[in-house]
Amino acid sequence: MVYKFMIKGRTNTLNTPANLFKWGLAESNTCPCCGKAGTLHHKLNNCKPCMSTFTVRHNNIAKVIREEIQKQYSYNCYKESSQISLQELMNNNEYQHELRDENKRLKPDIHFLDTVTDTINIIEITCPYNQMTQVNNEFVNTLVHRQETKEMKYRSLKEETEVLTGMKTKLFTIVVSSLGHVTVKTKENRY
Protein backbone atom coordinates (compact mmCIF):
# COMPACT_ATOMS: atom_id res chain seq x y z
CA MET A 1 0.00 0.00 0.00
CA VAL A 2 2.85 2.38 0.83
CA TYR A 3 4.52 1.64 -2.50
CA LYS A 4 1.29 2.29 -4.37
CA PHE A 5 0.98 5.66 -2.61
CA MET A 6 4.62 6.52 -3.36
CA ILE A 7 4.31 5.65 -7.04
CA LYS A 8 1.04 7.57 -7.42
CA GLY A 9 2.51 10.47 -5.46
CA ARG A 10 5.68 10.63 -7.51
CA THR A 11 3.69 10.50 -10.74
CA ASN A 12 1.12 12.99 -9.40
CA THR A 13 -1.77 10.59 -9.95
CA LEU A 14 -3.16 10.57 -6.40
CA ASN A 15 -6.81 11.49 -5.98
CA THR A 16 -6.16 15.10 -5.02
CA PRO A 17 -8.93 17.64 -5.60
CA ALA A 18 -6.88 19.20 -8.42
CA ASN A 19 -6.47 15.84 -10.20
CA LEU A 20 -10.09 14.82 -9.69
CA PHE A 21 -11.18 18.13 -11.21
CA LYS A 22 -8.72 17.72 -14.11
CA TRP A 23 -10.04 14.21 -14.76
CA GLY A 24 -13.67 15.45 -14.74
CA LEU A 25 -14.51 13.59 -11.53
CA ALA A 26 -15.10 16.64 -9.34
CA GLU A 27 -16.73 20.02 -9.78
CA SER A 28 -13.95 21.93 -8.05
CA ASN A 29 -10.20 21.71 -7.60
CA THR A 30 -10.28 23.26 -4.13
CA CYS A 31 -9.20 21.56 -0.93
CA PRO A 32 -12.25 20.66 1.20
CA CYS A 33 -10.28 21.48 4.37
CA CYS A 34 -9.24 25.04 3.56
CA GLY A 35 -10.58 26.10 0.15
CA LYS A 36 -7.17 26.57 -1.51
CA ALA A 37 -6.09 24.75 -4.67
CA GLY A 38 -5.95 21.06 -3.75
CA THR A 39 -2.69 20.15 -5.49
CA LEU A 40 -0.42 17.32 -4.41
CA HIS A 41 2.04 19.84 -2.93
CA HIS A 42 -0.77 21.48 -0.98
CA LYS A 43 -2.19 18.22 0.39
CA LEU A 44 1.20 16.83 1.44
CA ASN A 45 2.84 19.94 2.87
CA ASN A 46 0.82 23.17 2.89
CA CYS A 47 -2.78 22.65 4.05
CA LYS A 48 -2.98 24.56 7.35
CA PRO A 49 -5.84 22.46 8.84
CA CYS A 50 -3.74 19.32 8.17
CA MET A 51 -0.58 20.57 9.93
CA SER A 52 -0.95 17.99 12.69
CA THR A 53 -0.62 15.25 10.04
CA PHE A 54 2.65 16.80 8.85
CA THR A 55 3.89 16.88 12.44
CA VAL A 56 3.04 13.19 12.85
CA ARG A 57 5.11 12.39 9.73
CA HIS A 58 8.07 14.35 11.15
CA ASN A 59 7.72 12.73 14.57
CA ASN A 60 7.58 9.24 13.04
CA ILE A 61 10.94 9.89 11.38
CA ALA A 62 12.31 11.09 14.74
CA LYS A 63 10.93 7.91 16.36
CA VAL A 64 12.79 5.66 13.90
CA ILE A 65 16.01 7.57 14.58
CA ARG A 66 15.44 7.46 18.36
CA GLU A 67 14.88 3.70 18.28
CA GLU A 68 18.13 3.18 16.34
CA ILE A 69 20.05 5.38 18.78
CA GLN A 70 18.67 3.40 21.71
CA LYS A 71 19.66 0.09 20.10
CA GLN A 72 23.13 1.06 18.94
CA TYR A 73 24.65 3.59 21.31
CA SER A 74 25.55 4.11 24.90
CA TYR A 75 24.29 7.61 25.53
CA ASN A 76 23.57 10.20 28.15
CA CYS A 77 21.37 13.28 28.17
CA TYR A 78 19.11 12.22 25.31
CA LYS A 79 16.66 15.04 24.49
CA GLU A 80 14.08 15.76 21.81
CA SER A 81 12.90 19.19 20.70
CA SER A 82 14.57 20.96 23.58
CA GLN A 83 17.29 23.51 24.10
CA ILE A 84 20.79 22.24 24.70
CA SER A 85 21.90 22.53 28.32
CA LEU A 86 25.68 22.42 28.69
CA GLN A 87 25.26 21.63 32.39
CA GLU A 88 23.24 18.51 31.52
CA LEU A 89 25.60 17.45 28.73
CA MET A 90 28.61 17.81 31.02
CA ASN A 91 26.65 16.16 33.87
CA ASN A 92 27.78 19.04 36.07
CA ASN A 93 25.32 21.55 37.54
CA GLU A 94 28.20 23.85 38.46
CA TYR A 95 29.46 24.08 34.87
CA GLN A 96 29.71 27.83 34.27
CA HIS A 97 29.74 28.27 30.50
CA GLU A 98 26.52 29.16 28.70
CA LEU A 99 25.58 29.30 25.05
CA ARG A 100 24.99 32.67 23.41
CA ASP A 101 21.30 33.66 23.34
CA GLU A 102 20.85 32.95 19.60
CA ASN A 103 22.12 29.39 20.13
CA LYS A 104 20.38 28.92 23.47
CA ARG A 105 17.00 29.49 21.76
CA LEU A 106 17.51 26.70 19.20
CA LYS A 107 15.72 23.40 19.81
CA PRO A 108 17.20 20.63 17.69
CA ASP A 109 14.92 17.67 17.03
CA ILE A 110 17.33 15.31 18.83
CA HIS A 111 20.57 15.74 20.72
CA PHE A 112 22.52 13.35 22.89
CA LEU A 113 25.97 12.61 24.22
CA ASP A 114 27.57 9.38 23.01
CA THR A 115 29.36 8.30 26.18
CA VAL A 116 31.67 5.85 24.38
CA THR A 117 33.21 8.44 22.04
CA ASP A 118 32.43 11.56 24.13
CA THR A 119 30.72 13.05 21.09
CA ILE A 120 27.75 15.39 21.23
CA ASN A 121 25.33 14.64 18.41
CA ILE A 122 22.80 17.16 17.13
CA ILE A 123 20.14 15.86 14.74
CA GLU A 124 17.73 18.07 12.83
CA ILE A 125 14.94 16.65 10.66
CA THR A 126 12.96 18.28 7.84
CA CYS A 127 10.24 16.88 5.55
CA PRO A 128 9.75 19.27 2.61
CA TYR A 129 7.99 18.68 -0.68
CA ASN A 130 10.48 17.79 -3.42
CA GLN A 131 10.39 20.39 -6.19
CA MET A 132 12.49 23.04 -7.85
CA THR A 133 12.16 26.43 -6.19
CA GLN A 134 13.60 29.84 -6.88
CA VAL A 135 16.16 31.14 -4.40
CA ASN A 136 18.16 34.30 -5.17
CA ASN A 137 17.13 34.19 -8.85
CA GLU A 138 18.31 30.58 -9.24
CA PHE A 139 16.28 27.39 -9.34
CA VAL A 140 17.37 24.88 -6.72
CA ASN A 141 16.05 21.58 -5.43
CA THR A 142 13.90 22.16 -2.34
CA LEU A 143 15.40 19.19 -0.50
CA VAL A 144 18.97 20.39 -0.98
CA HIS A 145 17.97 23.96 -0.12
CA ARG A 146 16.26 22.90 3.12
CA GLN A 147 19.27 20.79 4.09
CA GLU A 148 21.62 23.73 3.54
CA THR A 149 19.26 26.05 5.46
CA LYS A 150 19.16 23.68 8.45
CA GLU A 151 22.95 23.29 8.40
CA MET A 152 23.42 27.07 8.41
CA LYS A 153 20.87 27.50 11.21
CA TYR A 154 22.57 24.97 13.51
CA ARG A 155 26.23 25.42 12.50
CA SER A 156 26.87 28.10 15.12
CA LEU A 157 25.30 25.94 17.85
CA LYS A 158 27.48 22.99 16.84
CA GLU A 159 30.65 25.09 16.81
CA GLU A 160 29.92 26.87 20.10
CA THR A 161 28.98 23.62 21.85
CA GLU A 162 32.26 22.09 20.69
CA VAL A 163 34.32 25.06 21.89
CA LEU A 164 32.62 25.40 25.29
CA THR A 165 32.60 21.69 26.14
CA GLY A 166 35.87 20.67 24.49
CA MET A 167 33.99 17.68 23.05
CA LYS A 168 33.62 16.72 19.43
CA THR A 169 30.18 17.78 18.20
CA LYS A 170 28.48 16.42 15.10
CA LEU A 171 25.52 17.92 13.25
CA PHE A 172 23.30 15.64 11.20
CA THR A 173 20.57 17.07 8.97
CA ILE A 174 18.05 14.45 7.94
CA VAL A 175 15.94 15.35 4.90
CA VAL A 176 13.08 13.05 3.91
CA SER A 177 10.58 14.48 1.45
CA SER A 178 6.86 14.04 1.92
CA LEU A 179 7.05 11.41 -0.86
CA GLY A 180 10.00 9.52 0.64
CA HIS A 181 12.89 11.05 -1.30
CA VAL A 182 16.10 11.27 0.71
CA THR A 183 19.00 13.55 -0.18
CA VAL A 184 22.41 12.10 -1.00
CA LYS A 185 23.85 13.96 1.98
CA THR A 186 21.24 12.40 4.29
CA LYS A 187 22.20 8.94 3.00
CA GLU A 188 25.85 9.75 3.67
CA ASN A 189 25.07 10.87 7.25
CA ARG A 190 26.51 7.79 8.84
CA TYR A 191 27.50 7.79 12.45
C-alpha atoms as a PDB file:
ATOM      1  CA  MET A   1       0.000   0.000   0.000  1.00  0.00           C
ATOM      2  CA  VAL A   2       2.849   2.377   0.828  1.00  0.00           C
ATOM      3  CA  TYR A   3       4.518   1.635  -2.502  1.00  0.00           C
ATOM      4  CA  LYS A   4       1.288   2.290  -4.367  1.00  0.00           C
ATOM      5  CA  PHE A   5       0.975   5.656  -2.609  1.00  0.00           C
ATOM      6  CA  MET A   6       4.615   6.522  -3.356  1.00  0.00           C
ATOM      7  CA  ILE A   7       4.308   5.647  -7.043  1.00  0.00           C
ATOM      8  CA  LYS A   8       1.044   7.567  -7.421  1.00  0.00           C
ATOM      9  CA  GLY A   9       2.509  10.472  -5.463  1.00  0.00           C
ATOM     10  CA  ARG A  10       5.682  10.633  -7.514  1.00  0.00           C
ATOM     11  CA  THR A  11       3.691  10.502 -10.744  1.00  0.00           C
ATOM     12  CA  ASN A  12       1.119  12.992  -9.402  1.00  0.00           C
ATOM     13  CA  THR A  13      -1.768  10.590  -9.946  1.00  0.00           C
ATOM     14  CA  LEU A  14      -3.157  10.568  -6.397  1.00  0.00           C
ATOM     15  CA  ASN A  15      -6.810  11.491  -5.981  1.00  0.00           C
ATOM     16  CA  THR A  16      -6.165  15.098  -5.022  1.00  0.00           C
ATOM     17  CA  PRO A  17      -8.932  17.645  -5.598  1.00  0.00           C
ATOM     18  CA  ALA A  18      -6.883  19.196  -8.418  1.00  0.00           C
ATOM     19  CA  ASN A  19      -6.469  15.840 -10.196  1.00  0.00           C
ATOM     20  CA  LEU A  20     -10.093  14.816  -9.688  1.00  0.00           C
ATOM     21  CA  PHE A  21     -11.175  18.131 -11.213  1.00  0.00           C
ATOM     22  CA  LYS A  22      -8.718  17.723 -14.114  1.00  0.00           C
ATOM     23  CA  TRP A  23     -10.042  14.206 -14.765  1.00  0.00           C
ATOM     24  CA  GLY A  24     -13.668  15.451 -14.744  1.00  0.00           C
ATOM     25  CA  LEU A  25     -14.510  13.585 -11.535  1.00  0.00           C
ATOM     26  CA  ALA A  26     -15.098  16.644  -9.335  1.00  0.00           C
ATOM     27  CA  GLU A  27     -16.734  20.018  -9.784  1.00  0.00           C
ATOM     28  CA  SER A  28     -13.949  21.928  -8.048  1.00  0.00           C
ATOM     29  CA  ASN A  29     -10.196  21.709  -7.600  1.00  0.00           C
ATOM     30  CA  THR A  30     -10.279  23.257  -4.128  1.00  0.00           C
ATOM     31  CA  CYS A  31      -9.199  21.558  -0.926  1.00  0.00           C
ATOM     32  CA  PRO A  32     -12.245  20.659   1.200  1.00  0.00           C
ATOM     33  CA  CYS A  33     -10.276  21.483   4.369  1.00  0.00           C
ATOM     34  CA  CYS A  34      -9.241  25.044   3.562  1.00  0.00           C
ATOM     35  CA  GLY A  35     -10.578  26.095   0.147  1.00  0.00           C
ATOM     36  CA  LYS A  36      -7.175  26.572  -1.513  1.00  0.00           C
ATOM     37  CA  ALA A  37      -6.090  24.747  -4.672  1.00  0.00           C
ATOM     38  CA  GLY A  38      -5.947  21.056  -3.754  1.00  0.00           C
ATOM     39  CA  THR A  39      -2.695  20.152  -5.491  1.00  0.00           C
ATOM     40  CA  LEU A  40      -0.415  17.323  -4.405  1.00  0.00           C
ATOM     41  CA  HIS A  41       2.037  19.836  -2.926  1.00  0.00           C
ATOM     42  CA  HIS A  42      -0.767  21.479  -0.983  1.00  0.00           C
ATOM     43  CA  LYS A  43      -2.192  18.216   0.385  1.00  0.00           C
ATOM     44  CA  LEU A  44       1.201  16.826   1.438  1.00  0.00           C
ATOM     45  CA  ASN A  45       2.844  19.942   2.870  1.00  0.00           C
ATOM     46  CA  ASN A  46       0.818  23.167   2.890  1.00  0.00           C
ATOM     47  CA  CYS A  47      -2.777  22.653   4.049  1.00  0.00           C
ATOM     48  CA  LYS A  48      -2.978  24.558   7.350  1.00  0.00           C
ATOM     49  CA  PRO A  49      -5.836  22.457   8.837  1.00  0.00           C
ATOM     50  CA  CYS A  50      -3.739  19.324   8.167  1.00  0.00           C
ATOM     51  CA  MET A  51      -0.583  20.567   9.926  1.00  0.00           C
ATOM     52  CA  SER A  52      -0.951  17.986  12.691  1.00  0.00           C
ATOM     53  CA  THR A  53      -0.620  15.248  10.038  1.00  0.00           C
ATOM     54  CA  PHE A  54       2.650  16.797   8.847  1.00  0.00           C
ATOM     55  CA  THR A  55       3.892  16.882  12.440  1.00  0.00           C
ATOM     56  CA  VAL A  56       3.043  13.189  12.848  1.00  0.00           C
ATOM     57  CA  ARG A  57       5.108  12.387   9.726  1.00  0.00           C
ATOM     58  CA  HIS A  58       8.071  14.355  11.147  1.00  0.00           C
ATOM     59  CA  ASN A  59       7.720  12.727  14.573  1.00  0.00           C
ATOM     60  CA  ASN A  60       7.579   9.243  13.037  1.00  0.00           C
ATOM     61  CA  ILE A  61      10.942   9.894  11.384  1.00  0.00           C
ATOM     62  CA  ALA A  62      12.306  11.092  14.743  1.00  0.00           C
ATOM     63  CA  LYS A  63      10.926   7.915  16.363  1.00  0.00           C
ATOM     64  CA  VAL A  64      12.794   5.663  13.898  1.00  0.00           C
ATOM     65  CA  ILE A  65      16.012   7.575  14.582  1.00  0.00           C
ATOM     66  CA  ARG A  66      15.444   7.465  18.361  1.00  0.00           C
ATOM     67  CA  GLU A  67      14.883   3.699  18.279  1.00  0.00           C
ATOM     68  CA  GLU A  68      18.129   3.183  16.344  1.00  0.00           C
ATOM     69  CA  ILE A  69      20.048   5.385  18.779  1.00  0.00           C
ATOM     70  CA  GLN A  70      18.668   3.397  21.710  1.00  0.00           C
ATOM     71  CA  LYS A  71      19.657   0.095  20.100  1.00  0.00           C
ATOM     72  CA  GLN A  72      23.135   1.060  18.945  1.00  0.00           C
ATOM     73  CA  TYR A  73      24.647   3.586  21.312  1.00  0.00           C
ATOM     74  CA  SER A  74      25.553   4.108  24.903  1.00  0.00           C
ATOM     75  CA  TYR A  75      24.286   7.605  25.529  1.00  0.00           C
ATOM     76  CA  ASN A  76      23.571  10.204  28.147  1.00  0.00           C
ATOM     77  CA  CYS A  77      21.372  13.284  28.172  1.00  0.00           C
ATOM     78  CA  TYR A  78      19.113  12.219  25.305  1.00  0.00           C
ATOM     79  CA  LYS A  79      16.657  15.045  24.486  1.00  0.00           C
ATOM     80  CA  GLU A  80      14.076  15.755  21.808  1.00  0.00           C
ATOM     81  CA  SER A  81      12.898  19.191  20.697  1.00  0.00           C
ATOM     82  CA  SER A  82      14.570  20.965  23.584  1.00  0.00           C
ATOM     83  CA  GLN A  83      17.294  23.507  24.102  1.00  0.00           C
ATOM     84  CA  ILE A  84      20.794  22.237  24.702  1.00  0.00           C
ATOM     85  CA  SER A  85      21.904  22.533  28.323  1.00  0.00           C
ATOM     86  CA  LEU A  86      25.677  22.422  28.694  1.00  0.00           C
ATOM     87  CA  GLN A  87      25.257  21.627  32.391  1.00  0.00           C
ATOM     88  CA  GLU A  88      23.244  18.509  31.524  1.00  0.00           C
ATOM     89  CA  LEU A  89      25.604  17.449  28.734  1.00  0.00           C
ATOM     90  CA  MET A  90      28.605  17.808  31.024  1.00  0.00           C
ATOM     91  CA  ASN A  91      26.653  16.157  33.869  1.00  0.00           C
ATOM     92  CA  ASN A  92      27.781  19.041  36.070  1.00  0.00           C
ATOM     93  CA  ASN A  93      25.316  21.547  37.544  1.00  0.00           C
ATOM     94  CA  GLU A  94      28.202  23.846  38.455  1.00  0.00           C
ATOM     95  CA  TYR A  95      29.457  24.076  34.866  1.00  0.00           C
ATOM     96  CA  GLN A  96      29.705  27.827  34.271  1.00  0.00           C
ATOM     97  CA  HIS A  97      29.744  28.274  30.498  1.00  0.00           C
ATOM     98  CA  GLU A  98      26.516  29.162  28.702  1.00  0.00           C
ATOM     99  CA  LEU A  99      25.577  29.299  25.052  1.00  0.00           C
ATOM    100  CA  ARG A 100      24.986  32.671  23.408  1.00  0.00           C
ATOM    101  CA  ASP A 101      21.304  33.661  23.340  1.00  0.00           C
ATOM    102  CA  GLU A 102      20.850  32.955  19.605  1.00  0.00           C
ATOM    103  CA  ASN A 103      22.115  29.386  20.132  1.00  0.00           C
ATOM    104  CA  LYS A 104      20.382  28.923  23.470  1.00  0.00           C
ATOM    105  CA  ARG A 105      17.004  29.488  21.761  1.00  0.00           C
ATOM    106  CA  LEU A 106      17.514  26.702  19.196  1.00  0.00           C
ATOM    107  CA  LYS A 107      15.717  23.403  19.807  1.00  0.00           C
ATOM    108  CA  PRO A 108      17.199  20.625  17.691  1.00  0.00           C
ATOM    109  CA  ASP A 109      14.925  17.667  17.035  1.00  0.00           C
ATOM    110  CA  ILE A 110      17.325  15.307  18.830  1.00  0.00           C
ATOM    111  CA  HIS A 111      20.566  15.743  20.722  1.00  0.00           C
ATOM    112  CA  PHE A 112      22.523  13.349  22.887  1.00  0.00           C
ATOM    113  CA  LEU A 113      25.970  12.608  24.223  1.00  0.00           C
ATOM    114  CA  ASP A 114      27.568   9.378  23.009  1.00  0.00           C
ATOM    115  CA  THR A 115      29.364   8.297  26.181  1.00  0.00           C
ATOM    116  CA  VAL A 116      31.669   5.851  24.382  1.00  0.00           C
ATOM    117  CA  THR A 117      33.209   8.444  22.040  1.00  0.00           C
ATOM    118  CA  ASP A 118      32.433  11.558  24.128  1.00  0.00           C
ATOM    119  CA  THR A 119      30.722  13.046  21.094  1.00  0.00           C
ATOM    120  CA  ILE A 120      27.750  15.390  21.233  1.00  0.00           C
ATOM    121  CA  ASN A 121      25.326  14.637  18.414  1.00  0.00           C
ATOM    122  CA  ILE A 122      22.797  17.161  17.127  1.00  0.00           C
ATOM    123  CA  ILE A 123      20.142  15.861  14.742  1.00  0.00           C
ATOM    124  CA  GLU A 124      17.731  18.066  12.833  1.00  0.00           C
ATOM    125  CA  ILE A 125      14.940  16.652  10.658  1.00  0.00           C
ATOM    126  CA  THR A 126      12.963  18.276   7.843  1.00  0.00           C
ATOM    127  CA  CYS A 127      10.236  16.876   5.549  1.00  0.00           C
ATOM    128  CA  PRO A 128       9.755  19.270   2.607  1.00  0.00           C
ATOM    129  CA  TYR A 129       7.994  18.677  -0.683  1.00  0.00           C
ATOM    130  CA  ASN A 130      10.479  17.791  -3.423  1.00  0.00           C
ATOM    131  CA  GLN A 131      10.388  20.386  -6.192  1.00  0.00           C
ATOM    132  CA  MET A 132      12.488  23.040  -7.847  1.00  0.00           C
ATOM    133  CA  THR A 133      12.157  26.426  -6.191  1.00  0.00           C
ATOM    134  CA  GLN A 134      13.598  29.839  -6.881  1.00  0.00           C
ATOM    135  CA  VAL A 135      16.158  31.138  -4.403  1.00  0.00           C
ATOM    136  CA  ASN A 136      18.162  34.301  -5.170  1.00  0.00           C
ATOM    137  CA  ASN A 137      17.135  34.190  -8.853  1.00  0.00           C
ATOM    138  CA  GLU A 138      18.306  30.578  -9.235  1.00  0.00           C
ATOM    139  CA  PHE A 139      16.276  27.389  -9.338  1.00  0.00           C
ATOM    140  CA  VAL A 140      17.369  24.877  -6.715  1.00  0.00           C
ATOM    141  CA  ASN A 141      16.052  21.579  -5.431  1.00  0.00           C
ATOM    142  CA  THR A 142      13.897  22.162  -2.335  1.00  0.00           C
ATOM    143  CA  LEU A 143      15.398  19.188  -0.498  1.00  0.00           C
ATOM    144  CA  VAL A 144      18.966  20.392  -0.979  1.00  0.00           C
ATOM    145  CA  HIS A 145      17.971  23.962  -0.117  1.00  0.00           C
ATOM    146  CA  ARG A 146      16.256  22.896   3.119  1.00  0.00           C
ATOM    147  CA  GLN A 147      19.272  20.791   4.086  1.00  0.00           C
ATOM    148  CA  GLU A 148      21.619  23.733   3.541  1.00  0.00           C
ATOM    149  CA  THR A 149      19.261  26.049   5.464  1.00  0.00           C
ATOM    150  CA  LYS A 150      19.160  23.682   8.448  1.00  0.00           C
ATOM    151  CA  GLU A 151      22.946  23.293   8.395  1.00  0.00           C
ATOM    152  CA  MET A 152      23.418  27.068   8.408  1.00  0.00           C
ATOM    153  CA  LYS A 153      20.871  27.497  11.209  1.00  0.00           C
ATOM    154  CA  TYR A 154      22.573  24.966  13.508  1.00  0.00           C
ATOM    155  CA  ARG A 155      26.231  25.422  12.505  1.00  0.00           C
ATOM    156  CA  SER A 156      26.873  28.103  15.122  1.00  0.00           C
ATOM    157  CA  LEU A 157      25.295  25.945  17.850  1.00  0.00           C
ATOM    158  CA  LYS A 158      27.476  22.994  16.843  1.00  0.00           C
ATOM    159  CA  GLU A 159      30.647  25.094  16.814  1.00  0.00           C
ATOM    160  CA  GLU A 160      29.920  26.871  20.096  1.00  0.00           C
ATOM    161  CA  THR A 161      28.984  23.620  21.855  1.00  0.00           C
ATOM    162  CA  GLU A 162      32.260  22.090  20.694  1.00  0.00           C
ATOM    163  CA  VAL A 163      34.321  25.063  21.895  1.00  0.00           C
ATOM    164  CA  LEU A 164      32.616  25.398  25.286  1.00  0.00           C
ATOM    165  CA  THR A 165      32.601  21.692  26.145  1.00  0.00           C
ATOM    166  CA  GLY A 166      35.870  20.670  24.490  1.00  0.00           C
ATOM    167  CA  MET A 167      33.988  17.684  23.055  1.00  0.00           C
ATOM    168  CA  LYS A 168      33.622  16.719  19.429  1.00  0.00           C
ATOM    169  CA  THR A 169      30.178  17.781  18.204  1.00  0.00           C
ATOM    170  CA  LYS A 170      28.476  16.417  15.104  1.00  0.00           C
ATOM    171  CA  LEU A 171      25.523  17.924  13.251  1.00  0.00           C
ATOM    172  CA  PHE A 172      23.300  15.645  11.198  1.00  0.00           C
ATOM    173  CA  THR A 173      20.571  17.070   8.969  1.00  0.00           C
ATOM    174  CA  ILE A 174      18.048  14.448   7.942  1.00  0.00           C
ATOM    175  CA  VAL A 175      15.936  15.355   4.902  1.00  0.00           C
ATOM    176  CA  VAL A 176      13.079  13.051   3.914  1.00  0.00           C
ATOM    177  CA  SER A 177      10.585  14.480   1.448  1.00  0.00           C
ATOM    178  CA  SER A 178       6.858  14.040   1.921  1.00  0.00           C
ATOM    179  CA  LEU A 179       7.053  11.414  -0.855  1.00  0.00           C
ATOM    180  CA  GLY A 180       9.997   9.521   0.638  1.00  0.00           C
ATOM    181  CA  HIS A 181      12.893  11.048  -1.296  1.00  0.00           C
ATOM    182  CA  VAL A 182      16.105  11.268   0.712  1.00  0.00           C
ATOM    183  CA  THR A 183      19.002  13.552  -0.184  1.00  0.00           C
ATOM    184  CA  VAL A 184      22.408  12.101  -0.998  1.00  0.00           C
ATOM    185  CA  LYS A 185      23.847  13.958   1.979  1.00  0.00           C
ATOM    186  CA  THR A 186      21.240  12.402   4.289  1.00  0.00           C
ATOM    187  CA  LYS A 187      22.199   8.943   3.000  1.00  0.00           C
ATOM    188  CA  GLU A 188      25.852   9.754   3.667  1.00  0.00           C
ATOM    189  CA  ASN A 189      25.070  10.873   7.246  1.00  0.00           C
ATOM    190  CA  ARG A 190      26.513   7.787   8.839  1.00  0.00           C
ATOM    191  CA  TYR A 191      27.498   7.794  12.446  1.00  0.00           C
END
